[in-house]
Amino acid sequence: MLREPVFKGLVPALLLEPTKDKVVLEDESIGSFISRRFRPELADNIVSALIHGIYAGDIYQLSIRSIFPLLYHAERERDCIAVALLEGLKLRWPHDAPLEAEWAKLPPVSEELQAIRDSSVFTFRRGIGQLAERLETELRKLPNVDIRLETTVGQLDLERTDDSEKMGLVSRSSHESSKQPTKELFTHVISTISSKALYSAMDPASAMFMLARTPAVTVMVVNLYFSNPSVLPVRGFGYLLPRSLPFEQNPERALGVVFDSDASIGQDEIPGTKVTVMLGGHWWDDWQAYPDEEMGASMAKDILKRHLGISEEPRAVRVGLQKECIPQYVVGHHRRMAHGHEALKFFNGRLRVAGSSYTGVGLNDCVRSARNVITSLVEGRNQDTGLESFAEGNGPTLGK
């Protein structure tokens, strides 16, 4: 397997890493870091493919400190990254300590939950959207919860009187016939919209400009269903495409292909093969217009034919364009979020943030950030903002 082109330079890169000099930088790109500590081939092949699958991003733009903090801190504190990884060292974040202590008191989990805990990827029988559907169902049962769909947040500000402070929120619902904006007052607001959208709603917004500097990429997702259960020439989770792949092998600028029938066994009752092709991401950053559904389906079929030799027509195709769907933690993200934390203190804890723009784009990251925000609110930590982990002195420690 190590003879495959994608693994070129892997072994010497790992063996020579301990000999590399330590360079202390506030931040740098993933591509620069991996090239410096290991080899450029490792960055352009394996690492770029991995980042395409998670962030749909460019390794020469994304931050090593924010996306691979273990590697960043291992170099700073232990000189040798390989030794730190072999020792099984992990990062311990101060804000995670209460949660870890709480987990330690819980009884043993079921076999099903343990399987999820030990897995790097998980889904639900009806897809990850099943989680949101269940949350909505349970929340609607509560008398103090009001869910408003298709409602746009137009403006947020802090309104002070002689004896109180409240957040003023202006919204506009597409369901109301007048469609006039409505202003309401709330004791607290927790924002999980993108940081750029939050910035555009802020009044005043000048102090929050750092939040507007987190870009996001657009990804087209093409789902294809083949009635032939053996249409794939190989089995497995799928494959990701590195930046080193020649243009003629990937003119569509695909990010990767997931073999859904293998990756999520037992999810379907009808025999056949499901495949998902992911297109775009950072490759489409400069595009003024995106492919329509017909073009997207054609591009996906071309990729499957070129890479896997699949010429059979799919029985069903679904194309979705997800605009600005994955935030990009580009170099300097940590410093920008630290500035954002200080700026949010203006609201005295009445405005807090969570979600994928700040501390992680994955589902687990978003759940954890939401839990941390709610915990700080319940405990009355009035200067918390949701960005405490970026504040000076709140960084992680390296240990077992």
Protein backbone atom coordinates (compact mmCIF):
# COMPACT_ATOMS: atom_id res chain seq x y z
CA MET A 1 0.00 0.00 0.00
CA LEU A 2 2.86 2.40 0.79
CA ARG A 3 3.95 2.13 -2.84
CA GLU A 4 0.84 4.02 -3.98
CA PRO A 5 1.66 7.54 -5.30
CA VAL A 6 -0.43 9.18 -2.56
CA PHE A 7 1.96 7.79 0.08
CA LYS A 8 5.08 9.12 -1.65
CA GLY A 9 7.63 10.33 0.90
CA LEU A 10 5.59 9.18 3.93
CA VAL A 11 8.18 6.90 5.55
CA PRO A 12 11.21 9.24 5.23
CA ALA A 13 9.03 12.15 6.34
CA LEU A 14 8.13 10.36 9.58
CA LEU A 15 11.68 9.14 10.19
CA LEU A 16 13.30 12.54 9.64
CA GLU A 17 10.75 14.64 11.54
CA PRO A 18 12.63 14.41 14.89
CA THR A 19 15.66 16.05 13.24
CA LYS A 20 13.76 19.18 12.18
CA ASP A 21 14.37 22.44 14.03
CA LYS A 22 11.54 23.90 16.07
CA VAL A 23 10.06 27.13 14.73
CA VAL A 24 7.82 29.07 17.10
CA LEU A 25 5.12 30.93 15.16
CA GLU A 26 1.83 32.37 16.31
CA ASP A 27 0.15 30.48 13.46
CA GLU A 28 0.78 29.19 9.96
CA SER A 29 -1.03 27.24 7.27
CA ILE A 30 -1.44 23.48 7.48
CA GLY A 31 0.41 23.10 4.20
CA SER A 32 3.36 25.17 5.39
CA PHE A 33 3.56 23.35 8.74
CA ILE A 34 3.40 19.82 7.29
CA SER A 35 5.89 20.71 4.54
CA ARG A 36 8.29 22.18 7.11
CA ARG A 37 8.04 19.45 9.74
CA PHE A 38 7.63 16.53 7.34
CA ARG A 39 7.69 16.88 3.54
CA PRO A 40 5.70 18.83 0.91
CA GLU A 41 4.60 15.54 -0.69
CA LEU A 42 2.87 14.53 2.55
CA ALA A 43 1.03 17.86 2.63
CA ASP A 44 -0.07 17.80 -1.00
CA ASN A 45 -1.13 14.16 -0.98
CA ILE A 46 -2.50 12.65 2.22
CA VAL A 47 -3.14 15.79 4.24
CA SER A 48 -4.80 17.77 1.46
CA ALA A 49 -7.11 14.83 0.72
CA LEU A 50 -8.07 14.59 4.40
CA ILE A 51 -8.83 18.32 4.56
CA HIS A 52 -10.89 18.08 1.37
CA GLY A 53 -13.06 15.50 3.11
CA ILE A 54 -13.60 17.52 6.30
CA TYR A 55 -13.32 21.20 5.45
CA ALA A 56 -13.44 21.17 1.62
CA GLY A 57 -10.63 23.66 2.11
CA ASP A 58 -7.14 24.65 0.98
CA ILE A 59 -4.31 23.45 3.22
CA TYR A 60 -2.29 26.53 2.27
CA GLN A 61 -4.99 28.80 3.68
CA LEU A 62 -6.28 26.88 6.71
CA SER A 63 -4.76 27.29 10.17
CA ILE A 64 -2.65 24.56 11.78
CA ARG A 65 -3.30 26.06 15.22
CA SER A 66 -7.07 25.93 14.90
CA ILE A 67 -7.52 22.69 12.95
CA PHE A 68 -4.64 20.52 14.22
CA PRO A 69 -3.93 22.07 17.64
CA LEU A 70 -2.25 18.88 18.89
CA LEU A 71 0.46 19.11 16.22
CA TYR A 72 0.86 22.85 16.83
CA HIS A 73 1.33 22.51 20.59
CA ALA A 74 3.45 19.35 20.30
CA GLU A 75 6.08 21.25 18.32
CA ARG A 76 6.06 24.16 20.76
CA GLU A 77 6.26 22.06 23.93
CA ARG A 78 8.00 18.81 22.96
CA ASP A 79 10.10 19.72 19.90
CA CYS A 80 9.38 16.33 18.30
CA ILE A 81 5.85 15.70 17.08
CA ALA A 82 6.42 12.00 16.34
CA VAL A 83 7.53 11.30 19.92
CA ALA A 84 4.55 13.20 21.35
CA LEU A 85 2.15 11.13 19.24
CA LEU A 86 3.89 7.87 20.14
CA GLU A 87 3.57 8.76 23.82
CA GLY A 88 -0.17 9.10 23.33
CA LEU A 89 -0.23 12.73 24.46
CA LYS A 90 -3.49 14.65 24.23
CA LEU A 91 -4.61 18.24 24.64
CA ARG A 92 -6.54 19.10 27.79
CA TRP A 93 -8.72 22.21 27.60
CA PRO A 94 -9.70 23.97 30.85
CA HIS A 95 -13.31 24.43 29.75
CA ASP A 96 -13.64 20.67 29.17
CA ALA A 97 -12.59 19.71 32.71
CA PRO A 98 -16.10 19.99 34.28
CA LEU A 99 -17.61 17.90 31.47
CA GLU A 100 -14.93 15.21 31.78
CA ALA A 101 -15.49 15.08 35.55
CA GLU A 102 -19.22 14.69 34.98
CA TRP A 103 -18.66 11.90 32.46
CA ALA A 104 -16.45 10.04 34.95
CA LYS A 105 -19.42 9.80 37.34
CA LEU A 106 -21.80 8.34 34.77
CA PRO A 107 -22.62 4.61 34.77
CA PRO A 108 -21.27 2.45 31.93
CA VAL A 109 -22.95 3.21 28.63
CA SER A 110 -24.78 0.69 26.46
CA GLU A 111 -22.95 -1.26 23.79
CA GLU A 112 -24.58 0.91 21.12
CA LEU A 113 -23.37 4.16 22.70
CA GLN A 114 -19.91 2.70 23.30
CA ALA A 115 -19.71 1.80 19.61
CA ILE A 116 -20.49 5.42 18.71
CA ARG A 117 -17.92 6.69 21.22
CA ASP A 118 -15.25 4.48 19.65
CA SER A 119 -16.14 5.44 16.07
CA SER A 120 -14.61 8.22 14.00
CA VAL A 121 -17.75 8.55 11.85
CA PHE A 122 -21.40 7.89 12.69
CA THR A 123 -24.80 8.58 11.22
CA PHE A 124 -28.44 7.71 11.86
CA ARG A 125 -30.79 5.43 9.98
CA ARG A 126 -32.55 8.38 8.32
CA GLY A 127 -29.40 10.48 8.07
CA ILE A 128 -27.89 13.05 10.40
CA GLY A 129 -30.99 15.23 9.95
CA GLN A 130 -32.80 12.76 12.21
CA LEU A 131 -31.07 14.38 15.18
CA ALA A 132 -32.45 17.83 14.32
CA GLU A 133 -35.93 16.38 13.76
CA ARG A 134 -35.89 14.67 17.17
CA LEU A 135 -34.66 17.84 18.88
CA GLU A 136 -37.47 19.84 17.29
CA THR A 137 -40.06 17.25 18.35
CA GLU A 138 -38.90 17.32 21.97
CA LEU A 139 -38.57 21.11 22.13
CA ARG A 140 -42.10 21.64 20.81
CA LYS A 141 -43.41 19.75 23.83
CA LEU A 142 -42.07 22.44 26.18
CA PRO A 143 -44.46 25.31 27.03
CA ASN A 144 -41.67 27.92 27.16
CA VAL A 145 -40.26 27.18 23.68
CA ASP A 146 -41.40 29.00 20.53
CA ILE A 147 -39.86 27.80 17.26
CA ARG A 148 -40.16 30.29 14.40
CA LEU A 149 -39.32 29.01 10.96
CA GLU A 150 -38.38 31.13 7.93
CA THR A 151 -37.68 34.14 10.10
CA THR A 152 -34.76 36.43 9.33
CA VAL A 153 -32.79 38.22 12.05
CA GLY A 154 -32.33 41.78 10.88
CA GLN A 155 -30.63 43.57 13.77
CA LEU A 156 -29.24 42.96 17.25
CA ASP A 157 -28.39 45.60 19.83
CA LEU A 158 -28.01 46.08 23.56
CA GLU A 159 -30.67 48.29 25.12
CA ARG A 160 -29.85 49.83 28.48
CA THR A 161 -32.15 51.55 30.95
CA ASP A 162 -31.42 52.87 34.42
CA ASP A 163 -31.98 49.49 36.05
CA SER A 164 -31.75 46.82 33.35
CA GLU A 165 -30.13 45.59 30.17
CA LYS A 166 -31.76 43.56 27.42
CA MET A 167 -30.98 42.46 23.90
CA GLY A 168 -33.11 44.02 21.21
CA LEU A 169 -33.76 41.70 18.29
CA VAL A 170 -35.42 42.79 15.05
CA SER A 171 -36.82 39.94 12.93
CA ARG A 172 -38.91 39.55 9.82
CA SER A 173 -41.12 36.51 9.10
CA SER A 174 -41.96 35.45 5.57
CA HIS A 175 -45.24 33.96 6.86
CA GLU A 176 -46.79 37.23 8.00
CA SER A 177 -48.85 39.05 5.37
CA SER A 178 -47.46 42.47 6.25
CA LYS A 179 -43.88 41.19 6.47
CA GLN A 180 -43.03 44.20 8.60
CA PRO A 181 -40.03 43.82 10.90
CA THR A 182 -40.79 43.16 14.57
CA LYS A 183 -38.59 44.17 17.49
CA GLU A 184 -38.57 42.17 20.73
CA LEU A 185 -36.50 42.32 23.92
CA PHE A 186 -34.76 39.30 25.44
CA THR A 187 -32.63 38.83 28.53
CA HIS A 188 -30.14 36.72 26.57
CA VAL A 189 -29.45 35.79 22.96
CA ILE A 190 -27.37 32.78 21.86
CA SER A 191 -26.36 33.05 18.21
CA THR A 192 -25.61 29.90 16.21
CA ILE A 193 -25.83 31.55 12.77
CA SER A 194 -22.60 32.09 10.87
CA SER A 195 -20.22 34.68 12.29
CA LYS A 196 -20.49 36.71 9.09
CA ALA A 197 -24.31 36.79 9.33
CA LEU A 198 -24.09 37.78 13.00
CA TYR A 199 -21.73 40.62 12.17
CA SER A 200 -24.11 41.96 9.53
CA ALA A 201 -26.91 42.06 12.12
CA MET A 202 -24.90 43.78 14.86
CA ASP A 203 -25.52 47.37 15.92
CA PRO A 204 -22.98 48.74 16.45
CA ALA A 205 -20.90 46.36 14.32
CA SER A 206 -17.56 48.16 14.20
CA ALA A 207 -16.04 46.35 17.19
CA MET A 208 -17.12 42.97 15.81
CA PHE A 209 -15.37 43.22 12.43
CA MET A 210 -13.13 40.24 13.20
CA LEU A 211 -16.19 37.96 13.10
CA ALA A 212 -16.82 38.92 9.48
CA ARG A 213 -13.41 37.60 8.42
CA THR A 214 -14.23 33.89 8.61
CA PRO A 215 -14.94 32.83 5.00
CA ALA A 216 -16.96 29.78 4.00
CA VAL A 217 -16.87 27.46 1.00
CA THR A 218 -19.67 26.22 -1.26
CA VAL A 219 -20.06 22.48 -1.87
CA MET A 220 -22.24 20.64 -4.37
CA VAL A 221 -23.37 17.23 -3.15
CA VAL A 222 -24.59 14.72 -5.76
CA ASN A 223 -26.30 11.55 -4.53
CA LEU A 224 -26.63 8.73 -7.08
CA TYR A 225 -28.57 5.47 -6.75
CA PHE A 226 -27.80 2.44 -8.94
CA SER A 227 -30.11 -0.58 -8.98
CA ASN A 228 -27.06 -2.83 -9.45
CA PRO A 229 -25.74 -3.74 -5.96
CA SER A 230 -22.34 -4.65 -7.47
CA VAL A 231 -21.72 -1.58 -9.60
CA LEU A 232 -18.68 -0.53 -7.53
CA PRO A 233 -15.40 -2.22 -8.55
CA VAL A 234 -14.03 -1.85 -5.01
CA ARG A 235 -15.54 -1.82 -1.53
CA GLY A 236 -14.92 0.54 1.36
CA PHE A 237 -15.83 3.96 2.71
CA GLY A 238 -14.88 5.76 -0.50
CA TYR A 239 -11.96 7.98 -1.47
CA LEU A 240 -10.79 11.58 -1.21
CA LEU A 241 -8.96 13.50 -3.90
CA PRO A 242 -5.68 15.29 -3.07
CA ARG A 243 -4.61 18.63 -4.53
CA SER A 244 -1.71 16.83 -6.26
CA LEU A 245 -4.10 15.01 -8.63
CA PRO A 246 -3.50 16.28 -12.20
CA PHE A 247 -6.22 18.51 -13.61
CA GLU A 248 -7.04 16.10 -16.43
CA GLN A 249 -7.99 13.49 -13.83
CA ASN A 250 -10.24 15.92 -11.95
CA PRO A 251 -11.42 18.75 -14.22
CA GLU A 252 -14.73 18.90 -12.31
CA ARG A 253 -12.83 19.85 -9.15
CA ALA A 254 -14.30 17.06 -7.06
CA LEU A 255 -13.34 16.68 -3.41
CA GLY A 256 -14.14 13.02 -2.92
CA VAL A 257 -16.57 10.14 -3.38
CA VAL A 258 -18.37 8.30 -0.58
CA PHE A 259 -19.66 4.76 -1.06
CA ASP A 260 -22.77 5.25 1.05
CA SER A 261 -23.95 1.66 0.73
CA ASP A 262 -20.72 0.48 2.35
CA ALA A 263 -20.23 3.41 4.72
CA SER A 264 -23.75 3.13 6.22
CA ILE A 265 -24.60 -0.56 6.13
CA GLY A 266 -28.18 -1.41 7.12
CA GLN A 267 -29.58 2.02 6.36
CA ASP A 268 -31.50 0.97 3.24
CA GLU A 269 -34.18 -1.67 2.67
CA ILE A 270 -34.04 -1.60 -1.14
CA PRO A 271 -31.06 -3.40 -2.76
CA GLY A 272 -28.74 -1.34 -4.87
CA THR A 273 -25.77 1.00 -4.54
CA LYS A 274 -25.72 4.57 -3.24
CA VAL A 275 -22.81 6.89 -4.00
CA THR A 276 -22.20 10.52 -3.07
CA VAL A 277 -19.89 12.79 -5.06
CA MET A 278 -18.71 16.03 -3.44
CA LEU A 279 -17.72 18.91 -5.72
CA GLY A 280 -16.32 22.39 -5.27
CA GLY A 281 -15.14 23.66 -1.92
CA HIS A 282 -12.11 25.92 -2.17
CA TRP A 283 -11.68 24.96 -5.84
CA TRP A 284 -14.78 27.05 -6.59
CA ASP A 285 -13.83 30.10 -4.50
CA ASP A 286 -13.38 32.35 -7.54
CA TRP A 287 -16.35 31.06 -9.50
CA GLN A 288 -18.95 33.70 -10.31
CA ALA A 289 -21.67 31.10 -11.02
CA TYR A 290 -22.16 27.46 -10.05
CA PRO A 291 -23.31 24.44 -12.10
CA ASP A 292 -27.04 23.81 -12.22
CA GLU A 293 -28.53 20.45 -11.21
CA GLU A 294 -28.24 18.93 -14.69
CA MET A 295 -24.61 19.96 -15.03
CA GLY A 296 -23.82 18.78 -11.49
CA ALA A 297 -25.29 15.34 -12.19
CA SER A 298 -23.31 15.10 -15.43
CA MET A 299 -20.07 16.08 -13.67
CA ALA A 300 -20.61 13.46 -10.97
CA LYS A 301 -21.26 10.72 -13.54
CA ASP A 302 -18.13 11.73 -15.45
CA ILE A 303 -16.06 11.38 -12.26
CA LEU A 304 -17.44 7.91 -11.53
CA LYS A 305 -16.77 6.80 -15.10
CA ARG A 306 -13.21 8.19 -15.16
CA HIS A 307 -12.14 6.96 -11.72
CA LEU A 308 -14.18 3.78 -11.24
CA GLY A 309 -15.18 2.75 -14.74
CA ILE A 310 -18.91 3.07 -13.98
CA SER A 311 -20.80 3.74 -17.22
CA GLU A 312 -24.17 2.46 -16.01
CA GLU A 313 -26.88 5.12 -15.74
CA PRO A 314 -28.11 5.71 -12.19
CA ARG A 315 -31.79 5.09 -11.46
CA ALA A 316 -32.04 8.25 -9.39
CA VAL A 317 -29.93 11.38 -8.89
CA ARG A 318 -30.29 14.17 -6.35
CA VAL A 319 -28.20 17.34 -6.57
CA GLY A 320 -27.85 19.89 -3.79
CA LEU A 321 -25.82 23.10 -3.80
CA GLN A 322 -24.84 24.10 -0.26
CA LYS A 323 -23.73 27.72 -0.45
CA GLU A 324 -21.14 28.90 2.09
CA CYS A 325 -21.80 25.77 4.14
CA ILE A 326 -18.41 25.08 5.77
CA PRO A 327 -16.58 27.87 7.63
CA GLN A 328 -12.87 28.10 6.88
CA TYR A 329 -10.53 28.62 9.84
CA VAL A 330 -7.84 30.38 7.85
CA VAL A 331 -4.49 31.42 9.34
CA GLY A 332 -5.02 33.82 12.22
CA HIS A 333 -8.40 32.34 13.25
CA HIS A 334 -7.32 32.02 16.89
CA ARG A 335 -6.28 35.66 17.15
CA ARG A 336 -9.48 36.85 15.44
CA MET A 337 -11.65 34.84 17.81
CA ALA A 338 -9.69 36.23 20.78
CA HIS A 339 -10.55 39.73 19.55
CA GLY A 340 -14.13 38.61 19.05
CA HIS A 341 -14.26 37.39 22.66
CA GLU A 342 -13.16 40.79 23.93
CA ALA A 343 -15.63 42.60 21.67
CA LEU A 344 -18.54 40.41 22.83
CA LYS A 345 -17.86 41.40 26.44
CA PHE A 346 -19.57 44.69 25.56
CA PHE A 347 -22.86 42.81 25.88
CA ASN A 348 -22.14 41.66 29.47
CA GLY A 349 -22.95 38.03 28.75
CA ARG A 350 -26.32 38.81 27.14
CA LEU A 351 -25.04 37.80 23.71
CA ARG A 352 -23.13 34.53 23.34
CA VAL A 353 -22.12 32.46 20.34
CA ALA A 354 -21.93 28.80 19.43
CA GLY A 355 -21.87 26.82 16.20
CA SER A 356 -19.52 25.95 13.38
CA SER A 357 -17.96 29.40 12.84
CA TYR A 358 -15.89 29.29 16.01
CA THR A 359 -14.56 26.13 17.70
CA GLY A 360 -15.12 23.33 15.18
CA VAL A 361 -17.23 22.52 12.13
CA GLY A 362 -18.26 18.97 13.08
CA LEU A 363 -21.49 17.91 14.76
CA ASN A 364 -19.66 16.94 17.95
CA ASP A 365 -17.93 20.33 18.06
CA CYS A 366 -21.23 22.19 17.68
CA VAL A 367 -22.95 20.13 20.38
CA ARG A 368 -20.07 20.71 22.78
CA SER A 369 -19.95 24.47 22.13
CA ALA A 370 -23.71 24.74 22.67
CA ARG A 371 -23.46 22.79 25.92
CA ASN A 372 -20.62 24.97 27.17
CA VAL A 373 -22.60 28.14 26.43
CA ILE A 374 -25.70 26.87 28.22
CA THR A 375 -23.65 25.69 31.20
CA SER A 376 -21.98 29.09 31.58
CA LEU A 377 -25.37 30.81 31.34
CA VAL A 378 -26.95 28.58 33.99
CA GLU A 379 -23.96 29.05 36.30
CA GLY A 380 -24.22 32.82 35.98
CA ARG A 381 -20.84 33.49 34.37
CA ASN A 382 -21.82 36.91 33.09
CA GLN A 383 -18.64 37.72 31.18
CA ASP A 384 -18.66 34.52 29.14
CA THR A 385 -19.18 34.82 25.40
CA GLY A 386 -18.79 31.31 23.98
CA LEU A 387 -15.24 32.17 22.91
CA GLU A 388 -13.49 31.80 26.29
CA SER A 389 -11.15 29.12 24.97
CA PHE A 390 -9.43 31.78 22.83
CA ALA A 391 -8.73 34.10 25.77
CA GLU A 392 -5.22 34.51 27.14
CA GLY A 393 -4.50 31.84 29.77
CA ASN A 394 -7.31 29.51 28.66
CA GLY A 395 -5.22 27.49 26.21
CA PRO A 396 -4.75 23.74 26.39
CA THR A 397 -2.05 21.76 28.15
CA LEU A 398 -0.30 18.75 26.64
CA GLY A 399 -0.47 15.54 28.64
CA LYS A 400 -1.89 12.03 28.88
